[in-house]
Amino acid sequence: MASRPSSIWPISVATGAAVLLVGLVVSLEVIAPLGAAIAAIGVVGWVRGPSQRPLATAAPVDETTDADAFPRSRLLESATLGIGGLIALGAGVPVAGFAVLPSLIGQRRRPVDLGPMSAFPEGKFVVATFLADPKAGEVSRRAAYIRNNGLANGLPSFTAMSSRCTHVGCPTQPNGPTLNAQRRAEHTANGEIGLVPAVPAGFGCPCHGSQFDNEGNRTAGPAPRALDRYEFSIRDGHLWLGRLFSVSRVEGKGARARIHRYALHGDGEPVNGPESLLYPVDPIR
């Protein structure tokens, strides 16, 4: 009896499944679809492959026998494929859930009332500290660099930058004096808001040396982009911070700045260029 022909389809299925799992972690846009396509082609080829009957036999085979109606090799192959599919499903669904669901949940950040606009003198920086989630308490305390830019097209303009370095999220600090003796507190729905005037010549990260100018542009160090910024709004004369967004760079200054804005990215992730394709899809925070 001649040996049955070898098949590359099982190898294709296994390779595709491995690439798919890697893609769920590394790149949902490129690698994961490639792995899924390889696995799908392998499954189709495996199921529709040539019969596993021997190429030649020493004696004629009765085509009507029960054994040939559904050969044992075909049964074992189908069982193996089914069990393998269940194992891949059991391993892939949790991974896919962790990788995809955060992107669909949406940003849970609540708007923050920083107090009256009069607490922010025009043209001056103020370091504002606040509770992002009052129910969570001090663990949710954040800091932002706020500058009142005056009016832009008749509307109030503010620069509102996150103090977190875009390298690994360490807190940055002003490269210049902070006037702690002039600290004031505002009490809003977000609890106590600390407001400390500052005279920065840029901002720096003491952890790994990243440096940013007064518009948040990266000027040195390992940070891959500018400081993240907050959306803002004015309600009943109070300044409110909204959602965070990422910035590649800022052209110009103050109210006339042109901000190259992107969806919020994680620490250490570039927002543009070929290297940005190497990172997974980020959650909408």
C-alpha atoms as a PDB file:
ATOM      1  CA  MET A   1       0.000   0.000   0.000  1.00  0.00           C
ATOM      2  CA  ALA A   2       1.382   3.439  -0.925  1.00  0.00           C
ATOM      3  CA  SER A   3       1.744   6.034   1.784  1.00  0.00           C
ATOM      4  CA  ARG A   4      -0.754   8.860   1.918  1.00  0.00           C
ATOM      5  CA  PRO A   5       0.408  12.218   0.541  1.00  0.00           C
ATOM      6  CA  SER A   6       1.631  14.762   3.070  1.00  0.00           C
ATOM      7  CA  SER A   7      -0.320  18.001   3.550  1.00  0.00           C
ATOM      8  CA  ILE A   8       0.773  21.527   4.399  1.00  0.00           C
ATOM      9  CA  TRP A   9      -2.706  22.590   5.526  1.00  0.00           C
ATOM     10  CA  PRO A  10      -2.355  21.609   9.216  1.00  0.00           C
ATOM     11  CA  ILE A  11       0.906  23.558   9.332  1.00  0.00           C
ATOM     12  CA  SER A  12      -0.857  26.520   7.730  1.00  0.00           C
ATOM     13  CA  VAL A  13      -3.632  26.405  10.345  1.00  0.00           C
ATOM     14  CA  ALA A  14      -1.139  26.250  13.212  1.00  0.00           C
ATOM     15  CA  THR A  15       0.977  29.048  11.741  1.00  0.00           C
ATOM     16  CA  GLY A  16      -2.056  31.236  11.143  1.00  0.00           C
ATOM     17  CA  ALA A  17      -3.334  30.689  14.689  1.00  0.00           C
ATOM     18  CA  ALA A  18       0.069  31.635  16.129  1.00  0.00           C
ATOM     19  CA  VAL A  19       0.291  34.782  13.974  1.00  0.00           C
ATOM     20  CA  LEU A  20      -3.285  35.712  14.936  1.00  0.00           C
ATOM     21  CA  LEU A  21      -2.570  35.452  18.669  1.00  0.00           C
ATOM     22  CA  VAL A  22       0.582  37.540  18.287  1.00  0.00           C
ATOM     23  CA  GLY A  23      -1.350  40.090  16.234  1.00  0.00           C
ATOM     24  CA  LEU A  24      -4.024  40.462  18.923  1.00  0.00           C
ATOM     25  CA  VAL A  25      -1.289  41.759  21.197  1.00  0.00           C
ATOM     26  CA  VAL A  26       0.976  43.573  18.734  1.00  0.00           C
ATOM     27  CA  SER A  27      -1.167  44.900  15.881  1.00  0.00           C
ATOM     28  CA  LEU A  28      -4.909  44.462  15.371  1.00  0.00           C
ATOM     29  CA  GLU A  29      -4.701  46.380  12.110  1.00  0.00           C
ATOM     30  CA  VAL A  30      -2.071  44.368  10.211  1.00  0.00           C
ATOM     31  CA  ILE A  31      -0.720  41.227  11.875  1.00  0.00           C
ATOM     32  CA  ALA A  32      -3.984  39.894  13.354  1.00  0.00           C
ATOM     33  CA  PRO A  33      -5.904  39.990  10.023  1.00  0.00           C
ATOM     34  CA  LEU A  34      -2.908  38.360   8.298  1.00  0.00           C
ATOM     35  CA  GLY A  35      -2.898  35.510  10.824  1.00  0.00           C
ATOM     36  CA  ALA A  36      -6.659  35.063  10.509  1.00  0.00           C
ATOM     37  CA  ALA A  37      -6.356  34.878   6.716  1.00  0.00           C
ATOM     38  CA  ILE A  38      -3.578  32.283   6.873  1.00  0.00           C
ATOM     39  CA  ALA A  39      -5.557  30.161   9.335  1.00  0.00           C
ATOM     40  CA  ALA A  40      -8.759  30.437   7.266  1.00  0.00           C
ATOM     41  CA  ILE A  41      -6.966  29.373   4.084  1.00  0.00           C
ATOM     42  CA  GLY A  42      -5.443  26.462   5.959  1.00  0.00           C
ATOM     43  CA  VAL A  43      -8.810  25.317   7.325  1.00  0.00           C
ATOM     44  CA  VAL A  44     -10.454  25.512   3.910  1.00  0.00           C
ATOM     45  CA  GLY A  45      -7.596  23.647   2.267  1.00  0.00           C
ATOM     46  CA  TRP A  46      -7.557  21.019   5.013  1.00  0.00           C
ATOM     47  CA  VAL A  47     -11.293  20.350   4.798  1.00  0.00           C
ATOM     48  CA  ARG A  48     -11.370  20.312   0.997  1.00  0.00           C
ATOM     49  CA  GLY A  49      -8.102  18.418   0.573  1.00  0.00           C
ATOM     50  CA  PRO A  50      -7.739  15.197  -1.424  1.00  0.00           C
ATOM     51  CA  SER A  51      -9.183  11.984  -0.090  1.00  0.00           C
ATOM     52  CA  GLN A  52      -6.940  10.109   2.275  1.00  0.00           C
ATOM     53  CA  ARG A  53      -7.422   6.789   0.509  1.00  0.00           C
ATOM     54  CA  PRO A  54      -4.235   5.019  -0.576  1.00  0.00           C
ATOM     55  CA  LEU A  55      -3.006   5.792  -4.070  1.00  0.00           C
ATOM     56  CA  ALA A  56      -2.772   2.127  -4.969  1.00  0.00           C
ATOM     57  CA  THR A  57      -3.718  -1.210  -3.455  1.00  0.00           C
ATOM     58  CA  ALA A  58      -2.731  -4.750  -4.189  1.00  0.00           C
ATOM     59  CA  ALA A  59      -6.328  -5.759  -4.769  1.00  0.00           C
ATOM     60  CA  PRO A  60      -9.516  -4.017  -5.895  1.00  0.00           C
ATOM     61  CA  VAL A  61     -11.413  -2.222  -3.154  1.00  0.00           C
ATOM     62  CA  ASP A  62     -15.150  -2.599  -2.778  1.00  0.00           C
ATOM     63  CA  GLU A  63     -16.444   0.982  -3.010  1.00  0.00           C
ATOM     64  CA  THR A  64     -19.661   0.105  -1.208  1.00  0.00           C
ATOM     65  CA  THR A  65     -18.164  -1.039   2.094  1.00  0.00           C
ATOM     66  CA  ASP A  66     -19.015   0.838   5.290  1.00  0.00           C
ATOM     67  CA  ALA A  67     -15.325   1.384   6.036  1.00  0.00           C
ATOM     68  CA  ASP A  68     -14.862   3.362   2.821  1.00  0.00           C
ATOM     69  CA  ALA A  69     -18.074   5.322   3.327  1.00  0.00           C
ATOM     70  CA  PHE A  70     -16.350   7.199   6.192  1.00  0.00           C
ATOM     71  CA  PRO A  71     -12.737   6.041   6.660  1.00  0.00           C
ATOM     72  CA  ARG A  72     -11.176   6.073  10.118  1.00  0.00           C
ATOM     73  CA  SER A  73      -8.492   8.494   8.975  1.00  0.00           C
ATOM     74  CA  ARG A  74     -11.167  11.012   7.977  1.00  0.00           C
ATOM     75  CA  LEU A  75     -12.900  10.615  11.348  1.00  0.00           C
ATOM     76  CA  LEU A  76      -9.644  11.174  13.239  1.00  0.00           C
ATOM     77  CA  GLU A  77      -8.831  14.163  11.062  1.00  0.00           C
ATOM     78  CA  SER A  78     -12.233  15.758  11.668  1.00  0.00           C
ATOM     79  CA  ALA A  79     -12.021  15.102  15.397  1.00  0.00           C
ATOM     80  CA  THR A  80      -8.538  16.602  15.570  1.00  0.00           C
ATOM     81  CA  LEU A  81      -9.672  19.661  13.631  1.00  0.00           C
ATOM     82  CA  GLY A  82     -12.696  20.119  15.891  1.00  0.00           C
ATOM     83  CA  ILE A  83     -10.738  19.736  19.119  1.00  0.00           C
ATOM     84  CA  GLY A  84      -8.017  22.040  17.826  1.00  0.00           C
ATOM     85  CA  GLY A  85     -10.637  24.631  16.920  1.00  0.00           C
ATOM     86  CA  LEU A  86     -12.147  24.467  20.411  1.00  0.00           C
ATOM     87  CA  ILE A  87      -8.707  24.883  21.996  1.00  0.00           C
ATOM     88  CA  ALA A  88      -7.895  27.844  19.743  1.00  0.00           C
ATOM     89  CA  LEU A  89     -11.295  29.375  20.540  1.00  0.00           C
ATOM     90  CA  GLY A  90     -10.771  28.920  24.273  1.00  0.00           C
ATOM     91  CA  ALA A  91      -7.345  30.561  24.083  1.00  0.00           C
ATOM     92  CA  GLY A  92      -8.232  33.255  21.568  1.00  0.00           C
ATOM     93  CA  VAL A  93     -11.500  34.602  22.977  1.00  0.00           C
ATOM     94  CA  PRO A  94      -9.999  35.835  26.294  1.00  0.00           C
ATOM     95  CA  VAL A  95      -7.009  37.342  24.477  1.00  0.00           C
ATOM     96  CA  ALA A  96      -9.297  39.042  21.974  1.00  0.00           C
ATOM     97  CA  GLY A  97     -11.477  40.319  24.819  1.00  0.00           C
ATOM     98  CA  PHE A  98      -8.546  41.901  26.644  1.00  0.00           C
ATOM     99  CA  ALA A  99      -7.199  43.353  23.394  1.00  0.00           C
ATOM    100  CA  VAL A 100     -10.432  44.667  21.854  1.00  0.00           C
ATOM    101  CA  LEU A 101     -12.965  45.409  24.603  1.00  0.00           C
ATOM    102  CA  PRO A 102     -11.062  48.354  26.167  1.00  0.00           C
ATOM    103  CA  SER A 103     -11.218  50.095  22.792  1.00  0.00           C
ATOM    104  CA  LEU A 104     -15.011  49.753  22.782  1.00  0.00           C
ATOM    105  CA  ILE A 105     -15.782  50.689  26.369  1.00  0.00           C
ATOM    106  CA  GLY A 106     -15.042  54.383  25.939  1.00  0.00           C
ATOM    107  CA  GLN A 107     -13.342  56.982  28.045  1.00  0.00           C
ATOM    108  CA  ARG A 108     -14.590  57.133  31.620  1.00  0.00           C
ATOM    109  CA  ARG A 109     -12.836  60.344  32.586  1.00  0.00           C
ATOM    110  CA  ARG A 110     -15.247  62.791  34.191  1.00  0.00           C
ATOM    111  CA  PRO A 111     -15.146  66.538  33.477  1.00  0.00           C
ATOM    112  CA  VAL A 112     -13.249  68.468  36.147  1.00  0.00           C
ATOM    113  CA  ASP A 113     -14.290  71.880  37.453  1.00  0.00           C
ATOM    114  CA  LEU A 114     -11.090  73.840  38.139  1.00  0.00           C
ATOM    115  CA  GLY A 115     -12.905  76.902  39.496  1.00  0.00           C
ATOM    116  CA  PRO A 116     -13.497  80.424  38.195  1.00  0.00           C
ATOM    117  CA  MET A 117     -11.573  81.816  35.241  1.00  0.00           C
ATOM    118  CA  SER A 118     -10.364  84.646  37.485  1.00  0.00           C
ATOM    119  CA  ALA A 119      -8.103  82.123  39.243  1.00  0.00           C
ATOM    120  CA  PHE A 120      -5.998  81.938  36.056  1.00  0.00           C
ATOM    121  CA  PRO A 121      -4.278  85.247  35.216  1.00  0.00           C
ATOM    122  CA  GLU A 122      -3.856  85.882  31.501  1.00  0.00           C
ATOM    123  CA  GLY A 123      -0.455  84.866  30.126  1.00  0.00           C
ATOM    124  CA  LYS A 124       0.578  83.046  33.323  1.00  0.00           C
ATOM    125  CA  PHE A 125       1.007  79.348  34.026  1.00  0.00           C
ATOM    126  CA  VAL A 126      -0.759  77.753  36.972  1.00  0.00           C
ATOM    127  CA  VAL A 127      -0.128  74.210  38.170  1.00  0.00           C
ATOM    128  CA  ALA A 128      -3.570  72.838  38.996  1.00  0.00           C
ATOM    129  CA  THR A 129      -3.952  69.671  41.068  1.00  0.00           C
ATOM    130  CA  PHE A 130      -7.312  67.906  41.251  1.00  0.00           C
ATOM    131  CA  LEU A 131      -9.045  64.590  41.866  1.00  0.00           C
ATOM    132  CA  ALA A 132      -9.891  62.914  38.575  1.00  0.00           C
ATOM    133  CA  ASP A 133     -12.330  60.654  40.452  1.00  0.00           C
ATOM    134  CA  PRO A 134     -13.445  62.066  43.839  1.00  0.00           C
ATOM    135  CA  LYS A 135     -14.869  58.676  44.858  1.00  0.00           C
ATOM    136  CA  ALA A 136     -11.433  57.082  44.438  1.00  0.00           C
ATOM    137  CA  GLY A 137      -9.820  59.730  46.624  1.00  0.00           C
ATOM    138  CA  GLU A 138      -6.198  60.857  46.587  1.00  0.00           C
ATOM    139  CA  VAL A 139      -5.058  57.952  44.425  1.00  0.00           C
ATOM    140  CA  SER A 140      -6.748  59.722  41.499  1.00  0.00           C
ATOM    141  CA  ARG A 141      -5.033  63.091  42.071  1.00  0.00           C
ATOM    142  CA  ARG A 142      -3.616  64.575  38.877  1.00  0.00           C
ATOM    143  CA  ALA A 143      -1.813  67.746  37.870  1.00  0.00           C
ATOM    144  CA  ALA A 144      -2.195  69.932  34.799  1.00  0.00           C
ATOM    145  CA  TYR A 145      -0.352  72.966  33.471  1.00  0.00           C
ATOM    146  CA  ILE A 146      -2.923  75.665  32.750  1.00  0.00           C
ATOM    147  CA  ARG A 147      -2.298  78.965  30.944  1.00  0.00           C
ATOM    148  CA  ASN A 148      -4.921  81.570  30.163  1.00  0.00           C
ATOM    149  CA  ASN A 149      -4.183  82.693  26.587  1.00  0.00           C
ATOM    150  CA  GLY A 150      -6.775  85.473  26.528  1.00  0.00           C
ATOM    151  CA  LEU A 151      -9.257  85.578  23.684  1.00  0.00           C
ATOM    152  CA  ALA A 152      -9.089  83.811  20.330  1.00  0.00           C
ATOM    153  CA  ASN A 153     -11.729  84.939  17.826  1.00  0.00           C
ATOM    154  CA  GLY A 154     -13.671  86.425  20.709  1.00  0.00           C
ATOM    155  CA  LEU A 155     -13.668  83.215  22.773  1.00  0.00           C
ATOM    156  CA  PRO A 156     -11.577  82.313  25.837  1.00  0.00           C
ATOM    157  CA  SER A 157      -8.450  80.310  25.006  1.00  0.00           C
ATOM    158  CA  PHE A 158      -6.539  78.100  27.436  1.00  0.00           C
ATOM    159  CA  THR A 159      -3.544  75.820  27.206  1.00  0.00           C
ATOM    160  CA  ALA A 160      -4.267  72.762  29.372  1.00  0.00           C
ATOM    161  CA  MET A 161      -1.482  70.162  29.371  1.00  0.00           C
ATOM    162  CA  SER A 162      -1.133  66.966  31.345  1.00  0.00           C
ATOM    163  CA  SER A 163       1.881  66.886  33.656  1.00  0.00           C
ATOM    164  CA  ARG A 164       2.571  63.229  32.840  1.00  0.00           C
ATOM    165  CA  CYS A 165       5.585  62.532  30.657  1.00  0.00           C
ATOM    166  CA  THR A 166       4.688  60.733  27.427  1.00  0.00           C
ATOM    167  CA  HIS A 167       7.628  58.364  27.866  1.00  0.00           C
ATOM    168  CA  VAL A 168       6.409  56.108  30.711  1.00  0.00           C
ATOM    169  CA  GLY A 169       3.992  58.413  32.511  1.00  0.00           C
ATOM    170  CA  CYS A 170       6.279  59.888  35.196  1.00  0.00           C
ATOM    171  CA  PRO A 171       5.237  63.301  36.586  1.00  0.00           C
ATOM    172  CA  THR A 172       7.078  66.196  34.997  1.00  0.00           C
ATOM    173  CA  GLN A 173       7.787  69.492  36.719  1.00  0.00           C
ATOM    174  CA  PRO A 174       8.245  73.110  35.597  1.00  0.00           C
ATOM    175  CA  ASN A 175      11.806  74.112  34.704  1.00  0.00           C
ATOM    176  CA  GLY A 176      11.540  77.251  36.759  1.00  0.00           C
ATOM    177  CA  PRO A 177      10.169  78.542  40.044  1.00  0.00           C
ATOM    178  CA  THR A 178       6.795  77.484  41.407  1.00  0.00           C
ATOM    179  CA  LEU A 179       5.387  80.160  43.700  1.00  0.00           C
ATOM    180  CA  ASN A 180       4.138  77.897  46.482  1.00  0.00           C
ATOM    181  CA  ALA A 181       3.721  80.856  48.822  1.00  0.00           C
ATOM    182  CA  GLN A 182       0.964  82.096  46.467  1.00  0.00           C
ATOM    183  CA  ARG A 183      -0.899  78.787  46.452  1.00  0.00           C
ATOM    184  CA  ARG A 184      -4.650  79.073  46.584  1.00  0.00           C
ATOM    185  CA  ALA A 185      -7.424  76.510  46.800  1.00  0.00           C
ATOM    186  CA  GLU A 186     -10.782  76.369  45.092  1.00  0.00           C
ATOM    187  CA  HIS A 187     -13.521  74.037  46.268  1.00  0.00           C
ATOM    188  CA  THR A 188     -15.676  72.556  43.530  1.00  0.00           C
ATOM    189  CA  ALA A 189     -17.611  69.366  42.883  1.00  0.00           C
ATOM    190  CA  ASN A 190     -14.230  67.674  42.380  1.00  0.00           C
ATOM    191  CA  GLY A 191     -13.123  68.542  45.878  1.00  0.00           C
ATOM    192  CA  GLU A 192     -10.224  70.855  46.635  1.00  0.00           C
ATOM    193  CA  ILE A 193      -8.404  72.226  43.594  1.00  0.00           C
ATOM    194  CA  GLY A 194      -4.837  73.331  44.337  1.00  0.00           C
ATOM    195  CA  LEU A 195      -3.586  76.241  42.205  1.00  0.00           C
ATOM    196  CA  VAL A 196       0.103  77.186  42.303  1.00  0.00           C
ATOM    197  CA  PRO A 197       1.505  79.909  39.975  1.00  0.00           C
ATOM    198  CA  ALA A 198       4.640  78.907  38.051  1.00  0.00           C
ATOM    199  CA  VAL A 199       7.184  80.614  35.820  1.00  0.00           C
ATOM    200  CA  PRO A 200       8.474  77.759  33.663  1.00  0.00           C
ATOM    201  CA  ALA A 201      11.105  77.734  30.973  1.00  0.00           C
ATOM    202  CA  GLY A 202       9.675  74.482  29.727  1.00  0.00           C
ATOM    203  CA  PHE A 203       8.973  71.285  31.620  1.00  0.00           C
ATOM    204  CA  GLY A 204      11.220  68.361  32.478  1.00  0.00           C
ATOM    205  CA  CYS A 205      10.922  64.754  33.602  1.00  0.00           C
ATOM    206  CA  PRO A 206      13.271  63.962  36.514  1.00  0.00           C
ATOM    207  CA  CYS A 207      13.006  60.218  35.889  1.00  0.00           C
ATOM    208  CA  HIS A 208      14.472  59.768  32.395  1.00  0.00           C
ATOM    209  CA  GLY A 209      15.359  63.268  31.218  1.00  0.00           C
ATOM    210  CA  SER A 210      12.650  64.111  28.684  1.00  0.00           C
ATOM    211  CA  GLN A 211      12.280  67.851  28.112  1.00  0.00           C
ATOM    212  CA  PHE A 212       9.351  69.872  26.758  1.00  0.00           C
ATOM    213  CA  ASP A 213       8.952  73.531  25.865  1.00  0.00           C
ATOM    214  CA  ASN A 214       6.172  75.807  27.121  1.00  0.00           C
ATOM    215  CA  GLU A 215       3.809  74.543  24.418  1.00  0.00           C
ATOM    216  CA  GLY A 216       4.502  70.929  25.398  1.00  0.00           C
ATOM    217  CA  ASN A 217       6.699  70.093  22.390  1.00  0.00           C
ATOM    218  CA  ARG A 218       9.343  67.467  23.085  1.00  0.00           C
ATOM    219  CA  THR A 219      12.799  69.025  22.886  1.00  0.00           C
ATOM    220  CA  ALA A 220      14.993  66.225  24.301  1.00  0.00           C
ATOM    221  CA  GLY A 221      14.933  62.788  25.863  1.00  0.00           C
ATOM    222  CA  PRO A 222      13.139  59.509  25.136  1.00  0.00           C
ATOM    223  CA  ALA A 223       9.544  60.816  25.044  1.00  0.00           C
ATOM    224  CA  PRO A 224       8.064  60.028  21.598  1.00  0.00           C
ATOM    225  CA  ARG A 225       5.699  63.008  21.353  1.00  0.00           C
ATOM    226  CA  ALA A 226       4.536  66.256  22.945  1.00  0.00           C
ATOM    227  CA  LEU A 227       2.702  66.412  26.263  1.00  0.00           C
ATOM    228  CA  ASP A 228      -0.913  65.270  26.122  1.00  0.00           C
ATOM    229  CA  ARG A 229      -3.573  67.974  26.398  1.00  0.00           C
ATOM    230  CA  TYR A 230      -7.035  68.329  27.867  1.00  0.00           C
ATOM    231  CA  GLU A 231     -10.096  69.536  26.076  1.00  0.00           C
ATOM    232  CA  PHE A 232     -11.626  72.447  27.985  1.00  0.00           C
ATOM    233  CA  SER A 233     -14.868  74.361  28.203  1.00  0.00           C
ATOM    234  CA  ILE A 234     -16.234  77.396  30.035  1.00  0.00           C
ATOM    235  CA  ARG A 235     -19.416  76.897  32.056  1.00  0.00           C
ATOM    236  CA  ASP A 236     -20.912  79.682  34.157  1.00  0.00           C
ATOM    237  CA  GLY A 237     -17.536  81.413  34.311  1.00  0.00           C
ATOM    238  CA  HIS A 238     -15.692  78.278  35.474  1.00  0.00           C
ATOM    239  CA  LEU A 239     -12.942  76.441  33.601  1.00  0.00           C
ATOM    240  CA  TRP A 240     -13.705  72.754  33.047  1.00  0.00           C
ATOM    241  CA  LEU A 241     -11.268  70.087  31.834  1.00  0.00           C
ATOM    242  CA  GLY A 242     -12.588  67.363  29.559  1.00  0.00           C
ATOM    243  CA  ARG A 243     -11.021  64.432  27.763  1.00  0.00           C
ATOM    244  CA  LEU A 244      -7.313  63.942  27.196  1.00  0.00           C
ATOM    245  CA  PHE A 245      -5.896  63.756  23.681  1.00  0.00           C
ATOM    246  CA  SER A 246      -2.412  63.201  22.301  1.00  0.00           C
ATOM    247  CA  VAL A 247      -0.339  65.695  20.345  1.00  0.00           C
ATOM    248  CA  SER A 248       2.519  65.125  17.921  1.00  0.00           C
ATOM    249  CA  ARG A 249       3.676  68.763  17.898  1.00  0.00           C
ATOM    250  CA  VAL A 250       2.454  72.315  18.344  1.00  0.00           C
ATOM    251  CA  GLU A 251       3.206  75.120  15.900  1.00  0.00           C
ATOM    252  CA  GLY A 252       2.994  78.651  17.222  1.00  0.00           C
ATOM    253  CA  LYS A 253       2.140  79.798  20.724  1.00  0.00           C
ATOM    254  CA  GLY A 254      -0.809  80.422  22.972  1.00  0.00           C
ATOM    255  CA  ALA A 255      -4.112  81.289  21.356  1.00  0.00           C
ATOM    256  CA  ARG A 256      -2.572  81.137  17.865  1.00  0.00           C
ATOM    257  CA  ALA A 257      -1.023  77.707  18.289  1.00  0.00           C
ATOM    258  CA  ARG A 258      -1.752  75.051  15.712  1.00  0.00           C
ATOM    259  CA  ILE A 259      -2.099  71.747  17.553  1.00  0.00           C
ATOM    260  CA  HIS A 260      -1.516  68.503  15.645  1.00  0.00           C
ATOM    261  CA  ARG A 261      -4.030  66.426  17.536  1.00  0.00           C
ATOM    262  CA  TYR A 262      -4.536  62.642  17.711  1.00  0.00           C
ATOM    263  CA  ALA A 263      -6.640  60.230  19.727  1.00  0.00           C
ATOM    264  CA  LEU A 264      -5.185  59.508  23.153  1.00  0.00           C
ATOM    265  CA  HIS A 265      -2.227  57.098  22.958  1.00  0.00           C
ATOM    266  CA  GLY A 266      -0.480  55.147  25.666  1.00  0.00           C
ATOM    267  CA  ASP A 267       2.786  56.026  27.335  1.00  0.00           C
ATOM    268  CA  GLY A 268       5.786  55.619  25.041  1.00  0.00           C
ATOM    269  CA  GLU A 269       3.721  55.374  21.844  1.00  0.00           C
ATOM    270  CA  PRO A 270       4.373  57.635  18.861  1.00  0.00           C
ATOM    271  CA  VAL A 271       1.255  59.014  17.206  1.00  0.00           C
ATOM    272  CA  ASN A 272       2.504  59.203  13.624  1.00  0.00           C
ATOM    273  CA  GLY A 273       5.172  57.794  11.349  1.00  0.00           C
ATOM    274  CA  PRO A 274       5.864  54.148  10.415  1.00  0.00           C
ATOM    275  CA  GLU A 275       6.805  53.219  13.996  1.00  0.00           C
ATOM    276  CA  SER A 276       3.257  54.010  15.185  1.00  0.00           C
ATOM    277  CA  LEU A 277       2.059  50.927  13.247  1.00  0.00           C
ATOM    278  CA  LEU A 278       3.995  48.694  15.627  1.00  0.00           C
ATOM    279  CA  TYR A 279       1.628  49.464  18.516  1.00  0.00           C
ATOM    280  CA  PRO A 280      -1.804  47.968  19.211  1.00  0.00           C
ATOM    281  CA  VAL A 281      -5.071  49.818  19.045  1.00  0.00           C
ATOM    282  CA  ASP A 282      -5.495  52.019  22.116  1.00  0.00           C
ATOM    283  CA  PRO A 283      -8.605  52.235  24.247  1.00  0.00           C
ATOM    284  CA  ILE A 284     -10.803  55.291  23.936  1.00  0.00           C
ATOM    285  CA  ARG A 285     -10.126  56.711  27.384  1.00  0.00           C
END
